[in-house]
Amino acid sequence: MSMKLELEWLVDPLPGAEKLLNRTAEECLKAEGITFPGYAQLQITDDQGIHEINREYRGVDRPTDVLSFPSMPCTPDQTLGANPRRMLRERDETGYCFLGDIIISLPRAREQAAEYGHSLERELCYLTAHALFHLMGYDHMNDKDKERMRAMEEKALNQAGVARVTDEELIALSQKAMEFSYSPYSHFKVGAALLGKSGKVYTGCNIENGSYGATNCAERTALFKAISEGEHEFSAIAIAAEKSAPWPCGICRQALNEFAPDIRVIVTWDGNRDEAPLPVLLPHGFGPKQGTLDFLGKE
């Protein structure tokens, strides 16, 4: 192993997490192209503990989810991987190079895992990867740097086998959303779970109306909720019904195409499951991302 974490739990430890966190750390170093062995100190604490560190070292009087303190400060223009000899010079007597300190708030991680609809283990791995790339010089102060850092995080997490949200989790969330369906006219309950590129999941159900044209499908309920919260990019949507396949209607296909023309559409019903990419469901689609709205002055 070329990367290891010195893990300290100041709260009750999460069984099995240490191995997963170390695997994530290893993949972060690999993603950066570093072959020299390194290590970081990882402390998992509570909100009070991280609040005190924020106040003492950053002048921030509140808890946050994660903090990182690099031992070899770098910049997005000159990350640690671009200067591997620096690690070679900084190695200690064990042959390992110290990258810095990471502090994670377990309560914050738990809250964010619930908010984004994935496991606590996945959130801890994400926060660890996020902090490690900070230690290696990455940042997210502008869109370009943020996109580059996010791509590195996802690369490491995927290699570590820590999926952001599995299809099974997405389907389960769509089935849960179905329970809130308001469908007194069709009696056809539908739930949807929409996965944003940020990792957050937005759910919705179909909401019918005595004036049928005012009815809203589950897919658009989830989509409009996401857009209203600032999310504009999506990778998958799961749609659940009870007795027949709930493929999205034409309006929903067009609404999804506006923001995610290549989105994966997963449907589930009565123990069955099927999947298709949106271009198959909406061939020759038109929208801003296909460059087909020139006549409106949009591209």
C-alpha atoms as a PDB file:
ATOM      1  CA  MET A   1       0.000   0.000   0.000  1.00  0.00           C
ATOM      2  CA  SER A   2       1.389   3.396  -1.016  1.00  0.00           C
ATOM      3  CA  MET A   3      -1.128   5.421   1.010  1.00  0.00           C
ATOM      4  CA  LYS A   4      -2.389   4.885   4.531  1.00  0.00           C
ATOM      5  CA  LEU A   5      -4.526   6.748   7.051  1.00  0.00           C
ATOM      6  CA  GLU A   6      -3.740   7.062  10.732  1.00  0.00           C
ATOM      7  CA  LEU A   7      -7.354   6.949  11.858  1.00  0.00           C
ATOM      8  CA  GLU A   8      -8.526   8.251  15.227  1.00  0.00           C
ATOM      9  CA  TRP A   9     -12.172   7.953  16.276  1.00  0.00           C
ATOM     10  CA  LEU A  10     -13.271  10.518  18.864  1.00  0.00           C
ATOM     11  CA  VAL A  11     -16.814   9.169  18.524  1.00  0.00           C
ATOM     12  CA  ASP A  12     -18.130   5.610  18.385  1.00  0.00           C
ATOM     13  CA  PRO A  13     -16.339   3.912  15.440  1.00  0.00           C
ATOM     14  CA  LEU A  14     -18.250   2.716  12.399  1.00  0.00           C
ATOM     15  CA  PRO A  15     -17.576  -1.016  11.952  1.00  0.00           C
ATOM     16  CA  GLY A  16     -15.802  -1.851   8.715  1.00  0.00           C
ATOM     17  CA  ALA A  17     -15.176   1.783   7.748  1.00  0.00           C
ATOM     18  CA  GLU A  18     -11.416   1.799   8.288  1.00  0.00           C
ATOM     19  CA  LYS A  19     -10.661  -0.632   5.458  1.00  0.00           C
ATOM     20  CA  LEU A  20     -12.918   1.265   3.039  1.00  0.00           C
ATOM     21  CA  LEU A  21     -11.424   4.630   3.966  1.00  0.00           C
ATOM     22  CA  ASN A  22      -7.885   3.340   3.463  1.00  0.00           C
ATOM     23  CA  ARG A  23      -8.819   1.902   0.079  1.00  0.00           C
ATOM     24  CA  THR A  24     -10.267   5.276  -0.919  1.00  0.00           C
ATOM     25  CA  ALA A  25      -7.092   7.051   0.229  1.00  0.00           C
ATOM     26  CA  GLU A  26      -4.968   4.630  -1.797  1.00  0.00           C
ATOM     27  CA  GLU A  27      -6.991   5.355  -4.943  1.00  0.00           C
ATOM     28  CA  CYS A  28      -6.679   9.119  -4.384  1.00  0.00           C
ATOM     29  CA  LEU A  29      -2.895   8.852  -4.496  1.00  0.00           C
ATOM     30  CA  LYS A  30      -3.077   6.624  -7.582  1.00  0.00           C
ATOM     31  CA  ALA A  31      -5.428   9.071  -9.322  1.00  0.00           C
ATOM     32  CA  GLU A  32      -2.865  11.829  -8.749  1.00  0.00           C
ATOM     33  CA  GLY A  33      -0.182   9.606 -10.270  1.00  0.00           C
ATOM     34  CA  ILE A  34       1.940   9.497  -7.111  1.00  0.00           C
ATOM     35  CA  THR A  35       3.934   6.322  -6.548  1.00  0.00           C
ATOM     36  CA  PHE A  36       5.828   7.390  -3.428  1.00  0.00           C
ATOM     37  CA  PRO A  37       4.209   6.153  -0.191  1.00  0.00           C
ATOM     38  CA  GLY A  38       2.305   8.729   1.821  1.00  0.00           C
ATOM     39  CA  TYR A  39       0.063   8.984   4.852  1.00  0.00           C
ATOM     40  CA  ALA A  40      -2.378  11.387   6.465  1.00  0.00           C
ATOM     41  CA  GLN A  41      -3.866  11.677   9.920  1.00  0.00           C
ATOM     42  CA  LEU A  42      -7.656  11.345   9.907  1.00  0.00           C
ATOM     43  CA  GLN A  43      -9.653  12.294  12.983  1.00  0.00           C
ATOM     44  CA  ILE A  44     -13.395  11.625  13.084  1.00  0.00           C
ATOM     45  CA  THR A  45     -15.109  13.736  15.705  1.00  0.00           C
ATOM     46  CA  ASP A  46     -18.448  15.349  16.569  1.00  0.00           C
ATOM     47  CA  ASP A  47     -19.838  18.805  15.760  1.00  0.00           C
ATOM     48  CA  GLN A  48     -18.429  20.308  18.938  1.00  0.00           C
ATOM     49  CA  GLY A  49     -14.935  19.021  18.193  1.00  0.00           C
ATOM     50  CA  ILE A  50     -14.802  20.351  14.639  1.00  0.00           C
ATOM     51  CA  HIS A  51     -16.433  23.604  15.778  1.00  0.00           C
ATOM     52  CA  GLU A  52     -13.585  24.207  18.210  1.00  0.00           C
ATOM     53  CA  ILE A  53     -10.971  23.545  15.523  1.00  0.00           C
ATOM     54  CA  ASN A  54     -12.772  25.870  13.106  1.00  0.00           C
ATOM     55  CA  ARG A  55     -12.864  28.627  15.695  1.00  0.00           C
ATOM     56  CA  GLU A  56      -9.233  28.239  16.758  1.00  0.00           C
ATOM     57  CA  TYR A  57      -7.544  27.815  13.370  1.00  0.00           C
ATOM     58  CA  ARG A  58      -9.906  29.447  10.867  1.00  0.00           C
ATOM     59  CA  GLY A  59     -11.861  32.029  12.853  1.00  0.00           C
ATOM     60  CA  VAL A  60     -15.090  30.280  11.821  1.00  0.00           C
ATOM     61  CA  ASP A  61     -17.558  30.017  14.682  1.00  0.00           C
ATOM     62  CA  ARG A  62     -19.541  26.995  13.517  1.00  0.00           C
ATOM     63  CA  PRO A  63     -19.126  23.308  12.726  1.00  0.00           C
ATOM     64  CA  THR A  64     -18.415  22.167   9.166  1.00  0.00           C
ATOM     65  CA  ASP A  65     -18.337  18.731   7.587  1.00  0.00           C
ATOM     66  CA  VAL A  66     -14.594  18.413   6.911  1.00  0.00           C
ATOM     67  CA  LEU A  67     -11.314  20.258   7.407  1.00  0.00           C
ATOM     68  CA  SER A  68      -7.895  19.662   5.873  1.00  0.00           C
ATOM     69  CA  PHE A  69      -4.503  21.044   6.859  1.00  0.00           C
ATOM     70  CA  PRO A  70      -1.759  20.253   4.296  1.00  0.00           C
ATOM     71  CA  SER A  71       1.808  19.702   5.385  1.00  0.00           C
ATOM     72  CA  MET A  72       3.083  20.624   1.901  1.00  0.00           C
ATOM     73  CA  PRO A  73       0.848  23.445   0.608  1.00  0.00           C
ATOM     74  CA  CYS A  74       0.298  23.300  -3.160  1.00  0.00           C
ATOM     75  CA  THR A  75      -1.963  25.060  -5.658  1.00  0.00           C
ATOM     76  CA  PRO A  76      -4.390  23.884  -8.382  1.00  0.00           C
ATOM     77  CA  ASP A  77      -1.798  24.992 -10.937  1.00  0.00           C
ATOM     78  CA  GLN A  78       0.959  22.965  -9.251  1.00  0.00           C
ATOM     79  CA  THR A  79      -0.558  19.998  -7.418  1.00  0.00           C
ATOM     80  CA  LEU A  80       1.527  17.491  -5.517  1.00  0.00           C
ATOM     81  CA  GLY A  81       1.457  15.040  -8.406  1.00  0.00           C
ATOM     82  CA  ALA A  82       3.201  17.593 -10.609  1.00  0.00           C
ATOM     83  CA  ASN A  83       6.146  17.671  -8.200  1.00  0.00           C
ATOM     84  CA  PRO A  84       6.701  14.119  -6.910  1.00  0.00           C
ATOM     85  CA  ARG A  85      10.308  14.866  -5.920  1.00  0.00           C
ATOM     86  CA  ARG A  86       8.899  17.039  -3.164  1.00  0.00           C
ATOM     87  CA  MET A  87       7.364  13.965  -1.550  1.00  0.00           C
ATOM     88  CA  LEU A  88      10.627  12.112  -1.982  1.00  0.00           C
ATOM     89  CA  ARG A  89      12.475  14.848  -0.068  1.00  0.00           C
ATOM     90  CA  GLU A  90       9.879  14.924   2.733  1.00  0.00           C
ATOM     91  CA  ARG A  91       9.874  11.203   3.536  1.00  0.00           C
ATOM     92  CA  ASP A  92      10.401  10.265   7.175  1.00  0.00           C
ATOM     93  CA  GLU A  93      12.406   7.382   8.595  1.00  0.00           C
ATOM     94  CA  THR A  94       9.632   4.905   7.701  1.00  0.00           C
ATOM     95  CA  GLY A  95       9.825   5.898   4.022  1.00  0.00           C
ATOM     96  CA  TYR A  96       6.401   7.542   4.075  1.00  0.00           C
ATOM     97  CA  CYS A  97       5.668  11.200   3.338  1.00  0.00           C
ATOM     98  CA  PHE A  98       3.200  13.031   5.607  1.00  0.00           C
ATOM     99  CA  LEU A  99       0.512  14.821   3.560  1.00  0.00           C
ATOM    100  CA  GLY A 100      -1.357  16.506   6.420  1.00  0.00           C
ATOM    101  CA  ASP A 101      -4.330  16.332   8.783  1.00  0.00           C
ATOM    102  CA  ILE A 102      -8.011  15.685   8.061  1.00  0.00           C
ATOM    103  CA  ILE A 103     -10.897  16.203  10.485  1.00  0.00           C
ATOM    104  CA  ILE A 104     -14.422  14.966   9.718  1.00  0.00           C
ATOM    105  CA  SER A 105     -17.613  15.573  11.695  1.00  0.00           C
ATOM    106  CA  LEU A 106     -19.524  12.286  11.928  1.00  0.00           C
ATOM    107  CA  PRO A 107     -22.902  13.989  12.652  1.00  0.00           C
ATOM    108  CA  ARG A 108     -22.465  16.202   9.573  1.00  0.00           C
ATOM    109  CA  ALA A 109     -21.516  13.191   7.470  1.00  0.00           C
ATOM    110  CA  ARG A 110     -24.611  11.350   8.696  1.00  0.00           C
ATOM    111  CA  GLU A 111     -26.871  14.317   7.872  1.00  0.00           C
ATOM    112  CA  GLN A 112     -25.386  14.700   4.395  1.00  0.00           C
ATOM    113  CA  ALA A 113     -25.676  10.974   3.661  1.00  0.00           C
ATOM    114  CA  ALA A 114     -29.408  11.216   4.434  1.00  0.00           C
ATOM    115  CA  GLU A 115     -29.761  14.396   2.365  1.00  0.00           C
ATOM    116  CA  TYR A 116     -28.039  12.921  -0.681  1.00  0.00           C
ATOM    117  CA  GLY A 117     -29.713   9.532  -0.371  1.00  0.00           C
ATOM    118  CA  HIS A 118     -26.631   7.334   0.013  1.00  0.00           C
ATOM    119  CA  SER A 119     -24.846   5.436   2.766  1.00  0.00           C
ATOM    120  CA  LEU A 120     -22.862   6.936   5.646  1.00  0.00           C
ATOM    121  CA  GLU A 121     -19.830   4.910   4.520  1.00  0.00           C
ATOM    122  CA  ARG A 122     -20.008   6.492   1.074  1.00  0.00           C
ATOM    123  CA  GLU A 123     -20.233   9.993   2.554  1.00  0.00           C
ATOM    124  CA  LEU A 124     -17.211   9.379   4.800  1.00  0.00           C
ATOM    125  CA  CYS A 125     -15.254   8.136   1.784  1.00  0.00           C
ATOM    126  CA  TYR A 126     -16.264  11.177  -0.232  1.00  0.00           C
ATOM    127  CA  LEU A 127     -15.242  13.598   2.541  1.00  0.00           C
ATOM    128  CA  THR A 128     -11.937  11.768   2.929  1.00  0.00           C
ATOM    129  CA  ALA A 129     -11.240  11.939  -0.821  1.00  0.00           C
ATOM    130  CA  HIS A 130     -12.272  15.600  -0.903  1.00  0.00           C
ATOM    131  CA  ALA A 131      -9.878  16.430   1.932  1.00  0.00           C
ATOM    132  CA  LEU A 132      -7.011  14.393   0.470  1.00  0.00           C
ATOM    133  CA  PHE A 133      -7.217  16.217  -2.843  1.00  0.00           C
ATOM    134  CA  HIS A 134      -7.148  19.479  -0.892  1.00  0.00           C
ATOM    135  CA  LEU A 135      -3.940  18.220   0.744  1.00  0.00           C
ATOM    136  CA  MET A 136      -2.551  17.622  -2.737  1.00  0.00           C
ATOM    137  CA  GLY A 137      -3.359  21.154  -3.886  1.00  0.00           C
ATOM    138  CA  TYR A 138      -6.806  20.902  -5.478  1.00  0.00           C
ATOM    139  CA  ASP A 139      -9.467  23.511  -4.746  1.00  0.00           C
ATOM    140  CA  HIS A 140     -12.948  24.609  -5.836  1.00  0.00           C
ATOM    141  CA  MET A 141     -12.817  28.404  -5.726  1.00  0.00           C
ATOM    142  CA  ASN A 142     -13.844  28.716  -9.384  1.00  0.00           C
ATOM    143  CA  ASP A 143     -15.826  26.528 -11.793  1.00  0.00           C
ATOM    144  CA  LYS A 144     -12.779  25.227 -13.657  1.00  0.00           C
ATOM    145  CA  ASP A 145     -10.938  24.140 -10.508  1.00  0.00           C
ATOM    146  CA  LYS A 146     -14.139  22.736  -9.012  1.00  0.00           C
ATOM    147  CA  GLU A 147     -14.827  20.614 -12.103  1.00  0.00           C
ATOM    148  CA  ARG A 148     -11.253  19.304 -12.108  1.00  0.00           C
ATOM    149  CA  MET A 149     -11.331  18.459  -8.405  1.00  0.00           C
ATOM    150  CA  ARG A 150     -14.731  16.754  -8.698  1.00  0.00           C
ATOM    151  CA  ALA A 151     -13.484  14.623 -11.578  1.00  0.00           C
ATOM    152  CA  MET A 152     -10.525  13.455  -9.483  1.00  0.00           C
ATOM    153  CA  GLU A 153     -12.783  12.661  -6.529  1.00  0.00           C
ATOM    154  CA  GLU A 154     -15.142  10.609  -8.683  1.00  0.00           C
ATOM    155  CA  LYS A 155     -12.261   8.777 -10.337  1.00  0.00           C
ATOM    156  CA  ALA A 156     -10.826   7.738  -6.978  1.00  0.00           C
ATOM    157  CA  LEU A 157     -14.209   6.793  -5.507  1.00  0.00           C
ATOM    158  CA  ASN A 158     -15.150   4.722  -8.540  1.00  0.00           C
ATOM    159  CA  GLN A 159     -11.827   2.884  -8.419  1.00  0.00           C
ATOM    160  CA  ALA A 160     -12.363   2.250  -4.716  1.00  0.00           C
ATOM    161  CA  GLY A 161     -15.754   0.724  -5.502  1.00  0.00           C
ATOM    162  CA  VAL A 162     -17.664   3.393  -3.627  1.00  0.00           C
ATOM    163  CA  ALA A 163     -20.586   4.166  -5.906  1.00  0.00           C
ATOM    164  CA  ARG A 164     -22.258   7.509  -5.338  1.00  0.00           C
ATOM    165  CA  VAL A 165     -25.774   6.051  -5.429  1.00  0.00           C
ATOM    166  CA  THR A 166     -26.476   2.543  -6.695  1.00  0.00           C
ATOM    167  CA  ASP A 167     -29.350   1.784  -9.044  1.00  0.00           C
ATOM    168  CA  GLU A 168     -30.896  -0.324  -6.302  1.00  0.00           C
ATOM    169  CA  GLU A 169     -30.823   2.631  -3.896  1.00  0.00           C
ATOM    170  CA  LEU A 170     -32.322   4.886  -6.552  1.00  0.00           C
ATOM    171  CA  ILE A 171     -35.112   2.398  -7.235  1.00  0.00           C
ATOM    172  CA  ALA A 172     -35.844   2.055  -3.522  1.00  0.00           C
ATOM    173  CA  LEU A 173     -36.141   5.832  -3.216  1.00  0.00           C
ATOM    174  CA  SER A 174     -38.549   5.964  -6.171  1.00  0.00           C
ATOM    175  CA  GLN A 175     -40.693   3.265  -4.561  1.00  0.00           C
ATOM    176  CA  LYS A 176     -40.774   5.222  -1.330  1.00  0.00           C
ATOM    177  CA  ALA A 177     -41.777   8.376  -3.215  1.00  0.00           C
ATOM    178  CA  MET A 178     -44.645   6.421  -4.807  1.00  0.00           C
ATOM    179  CA  GLU A 179     -46.258   6.107  -1.378  1.00  0.00           C
ATOM    180  CA  PHE A 180     -46.997   9.858  -1.415  1.00  0.00           C
ATOM    181  CA  SER A 181     -48.769   9.778  -4.780  1.00  0.00           C
ATOM    182  CA  TYR A 182     -51.984  11.822  -5.040  1.00  0.00           C
ATOM    183  CA  SER A 183     -53.847   9.882  -7.741  1.00  0.00           C
ATOM    184  CA  PRO A 184     -57.582   9.734  -6.856  1.00  0.00           C
ATOM    185  CA  TYR A 185     -58.621   9.765 -10.559  1.00  0.00           C
ATOM    186  CA  SER A 186     -56.287   7.330 -12.324  1.00  0.00           C
ATOM    187  CA  HIS A 187     -55.498   5.230  -9.216  1.00  0.00           C
ATOM    188  CA  PHE A 188     -52.078   4.775 -10.825  1.00  0.00           C
ATOM    189  CA  LYS A 189     -49.409   5.619  -8.263  1.00  0.00           C
ATOM    190  CA  VAL A 190     -46.008   6.667  -9.571  1.00  0.00           C
ATOM    191  CA  GLY A 191     -42.810   7.683  -7.764  1.00  0.00           C
ATOM    192  CA  ALA A 192     -39.553   9.011  -9.184  1.00  0.00           C
ATOM    193  CA  ALA A 193     -36.015   9.480  -7.887  1.00  0.00           C
ATOM    194  CA  LEU A 194     -33.716  11.737  -9.918  1.00  0.00           C
ATOM    195  CA  LEU A 195     -29.938  11.534  -9.422  1.00  0.00           C
ATOM    196  CA  GLY A 196     -28.094  14.830  -9.844  1.00  0.00           C
ATOM    197  CA  LYS A 197     -24.461  15.019 -10.913  1.00  0.00           C
ATOM    198  CA  SER A 198     -23.751  16.451  -7.435  1.00  0.00           C
ATOM    199  CA  GLY A 199     -24.823  13.107  -5.960  1.00  0.00           C
ATOM    200  CA  LYS A 200     -28.026  14.444  -4.447  1.00  0.00           C
ATOM    201  CA  VAL A 201     -31.271  12.574  -5.100  1.00  0.00           C
ATOM    202  CA  TYR A 202     -34.538  14.429  -5.702  1.00  0.00           C
ATOM    203  CA  THR A 203     -37.801  12.524  -5.335  1.00  0.00           C
ATOM    204  CA  GLY A 204     -41.312  13.207  -6.564  1.00  0.00           C
ATOM    205  CA  CYS A 205     -44.687  11.578  -7.079  1.00  0.00           C
ATOM    206  CA  ASN A 206     -47.562  12.114  -9.484  1.00  0.00           C
ATOM    207  CA  ILE A 207     -50.027  14.776  -8.324  1.00  0.00           C
ATOM    208  CA  GLU A 208     -53.405  14.707 -10.068  1.00  0.00           C
ATOM    209  CA  ASN A 209     -56.032  17.410 -10.313  1.00  0.00           C
ATOM    210  CA  GLY A 210     -59.756  17.596 -11.023  1.00  0.00           C
ATOM    211  CA  SER A 211     -58.764  19.680 -14.032  1.00  0.00           C
ATOM    212  CA  TYR A 212     -56.735  16.945 -15.700  1.00  0.00           C
ATOM    213  CA  GLY A 213     -54.399  19.342 -17.496  1.00  0.00           C
ATOM    214  CA  ALA A 214     -53.128  20.549 -14.107  1.00  0.00           C
ATOM    215  CA  THR A 215     -51.861  17.055 -13.247  1.00  0.00           C
ATOM    216  CA  ASN A 216     -48.099  16.716 -12.779  1.00  0.00           C
ATOM    217  CA  CYS A 217     -46.164  13.502 -13.378  1.00  0.00           C
ATOM    218  CA  ALA A 218     -43.721  12.112 -10.818  1.00  0.00           C
ATOM    219  CA  GLU A 219     -40.766  12.675 -13.137  1.00  0.00           C
ATOM    220  CA  ARG A 220     -41.487  16.369 -13.537  1.00  0.00           C
ATOM    221  CA  THR A 221     -42.214  16.782  -9.834  1.00  0.00           C
ATOM    222  CA  ALA A 222     -38.697  15.477  -9.084  1.00  0.00           C
ATOM    223  CA  LEU A 223     -37.145  17.466 -11.936  1.00  0.00           C
ATOM    224  CA  PHE A 224     -38.769  20.766 -10.996  1.00  0.00           C
ATOM    225  CA  LYS A 225     -37.800  20.261  -7.368  1.00  0.00           C
ATOM    226  CA  ALA A 226     -34.177  19.766  -8.442  1.00  0.00           C
ATOM    227  CA  ILE A 227     -34.146  22.794 -10.738  1.00  0.00           C
ATOM    228  CA  SER A 228     -35.693  24.963  -8.016  1.00  0.00           C
ATOM    229  CA  GLU A 229     -32.792  23.985  -5.736  1.00  0.00           C
ATOM    230  CA  GLY A 230     -30.124  24.865  -8.305  1.00  0.00           C
ATOM    231  CA  GLU A 231     -29.280  21.430  -9.753  1.00  0.00           C
ATOM    232  CA  HIS A 232     -29.154  21.389 -13.559  1.00  0.00           C
ATOM    233  CA  GLU A 233     -27.261  18.207 -14.470  1.00  0.00           C
ATOM    234  CA  PHE A 234     -28.510  14.638 -13.979  1.00  0.00           C
ATOM    235  CA  SER A 235     -27.250  11.135 -14.662  1.00  0.00           C
ATOM    236  CA  ALA A 236     -30.162   8.771 -13.914  1.00  0.00           C
ATOM    237  CA  ILE A 237     -33.814   8.637 -12.943  1.00  0.00           C
ATOM    238  CA  ALA A 238     -35.714   5.690 -11.447  1.00  0.00           C
ATOM    239  CA  ILE A 239     -39.503   5.556 -11.859  1.00  0.00           C
ATOM    240  CA  ALA A 240     -41.679   3.150  -9.870  1.00  0.00           C
ATOM    241  CA  ALA A 241     -45.284   2.029 -10.261  1.00  0.00           C
ATOM    242  CA  GLU A 242     -47.320  -0.883  -8.983  1.00  0.00           C
ATOM    243  CA  LYS A 243     -48.690  -2.997 -11.854  1.00  0.00           C
ATOM    244  CA  SER A 244     -47.351  -1.774 -15.210  1.00  0.00           C
ATOM    245  CA  ALA A 245     -44.172  -0.222 -16.594  1.00  0.00           C
ATOM    246  CA  PRO A 246     -44.151   3.534 -15.852  1.00  0.00           C
ATOM    247  CA  TRP A 247     -42.222   4.754 -18.873  1.00  0.00           C
ATOM    248  CA  PRO A 248     -42.281   8.569 -18.879  1.00  0.00           C
ATOM    249  CA  CYS A 249     -44.863  10.327 -21.025  1.00  0.00           C
ATOM    250  CA  GLY A 250     -43.826  12.517 -23.961  1.00  0.00           C
ATOM    251  CA  ILE A 251     -43.902  15.739 -21.954  1.00  0.00           C
ATOM    252  CA  CYS A 252     -41.673  14.235 -19.253  1.00  0.00           C
ATOM    253  CA  ARG A 253     -39.243  12.954 -21.863  1.00  0.00           C
ATOM    254  CA  GLN A 254     -38.983  16.429 -23.332  1.00  0.00           C
ATOM    255  CA  ALA A 255     -38.628  18.022 -19.878  1.00  0.00           C
ATOM    256  CA  LEU A 256     -35.773  15.642 -19.019  1.00  0.00           C
ATOM    257  CA  ASN A 257     -34.165  16.246 -22.414  1.00  0.00           C
ATOM    258  CA  GLU A 258     -33.905  19.979 -21.669  1.00  0.00           C
ATOM    259  CA  PHE A 259     -31.321  19.284 -18.947  1.00  0.00           C
ATOM    260  CA  ALA A 260     -30.075  15.698 -19.399  1.00  0.00           C
ATOM    261  CA  PRO A 261     -30.453  14.399 -22.974  1.00  0.00           C
ATOM    262  CA  ASP A 262     -28.340  11.315 -22.200  1.00  0.00           C
ATOM    263  CA  ILE A 263     -29.928  10.406 -18.862  1.00  0.00           C
ATOM    264  CA  ARG A 264     -30.510   6.733 -18.002  1.00  0.00           C
ATOM    265  CA  VAL A 265     -34.169   5.946 -17.356  1.00  0.00           C
ATOM    266  CA  ILE A 266     -34.870   2.985 -15.053  1.00  0.00           C
ATOM    267  CA  VAL A 267     -38.430   1.751 -14.540  1.00  0.00           C
ATOM    268  CA  THR A 268     -39.683  -0.771 -12.006  1.00  0.00           C
ATOM    269  CA  TRP A 269     -43.089  -2.341 -11.396  1.00  0.00           C
ATOM    270  CA  ASP A 270     -44.442  -5.452  -9.670  1.00  0.00           C
ATOM    271  CA  GLY A 271     -40.970  -6.924  -9.190  1.00  0.00           C
ATOM    272  CA  ASN A 272     -39.914  -6.138 -12.757  1.00  0.00           C
ATOM    273  CA  ARG A 273     -37.258  -3.757 -14.019  1.00  0.00           C
ATOM    274  CA  ASP A 274     -36.248  -2.278 -17.351  1.00  0.00           C
ATOM    275  CA  GLU A 275     -33.900   0.481 -18.510  1.00  0.00           C
ATOM    276  CA  ALA A 276     -33.267   2.656 -21.552  1.00  0.00           C
ATOM    277  CA  PRO A 277     -31.263   5.799 -22.294  1.00  0.00           C
ATOM    278  CA  LEU A 278     -33.383   8.852 -23.040  1.00  0.00           C
ATOM    279  CA  PRO A 279     -32.242   9.077 -26.715  1.00  0.00           C
ATOM    280  CA  VAL A 280     -33.946   5.710 -27.277  1.00  0.00           C
ATOM    281  CA  LEU A 281     -37.157   6.978 -25.661  1.00  0.00           C
ATOM    282  CA  LEU A 282     -36.936  10.355 -27.408  1.00  0.00           C
ATOM    283  CA  PRO A 283     -35.173   9.912 -30.784  1.00  0.00           C
ATOM    284  CA  HIS A 284     -34.222  13.077 -32.642  1.00  0.00           C
ATOM    285  CA  GLY A 285     -34.812  15.112 -29.495  1.00  0.00           C
ATOM    286  CA  PHE A 286     -34.404  18.860 -29.632  1.00  0.00           C
ATOM    287  CA  GLY A 287     -33.204  21.200 -26.925  1.00  0.00           C
ATOM    288  CA  PRO A 288     -30.417  23.531 -25.849  1.00  0.00           C
ATOM    289  CA  LYS A 289     -27.891  20.730 -25.400  1.00  0.00           C
ATOM    290  CA  GLN A 290     -28.492  19.392 -28.906  1.00  0.00           C
ATOM    291  CA  GLY A 291     -27.932  22.853 -30.421  1.00  0.00           C
ATOM    292  CA  THR A 292     -31.392  22.727 -32.041  1.00  0.00           C
ATOM    293  CA  LEU A 293     -32.785  25.970 -30.640  1.00  0.00           C
ATOM    294  CA  ASP A 294     -30.779  28.325 -32.848  1.00  0.00           C
ATOM    295  CA  PHE A 295     -33.974  29.775 -34.216  1.00  0.00           C
ATOM    296  CA  LEU A 296     -34.676  31.062 -30.692  1.00  0.00           C
ATOM    297  CA  GLY A 297     -31.233  32.540 -30.357  1.00  0.00           C
ATOM    298  CA  LYS A 298     -30.152  29.752 -28.001  1.00  0.00           C
ATOM    299  CA  GLU A 299     -27.424  27.148 -28.280  1.00  0.00           C
END
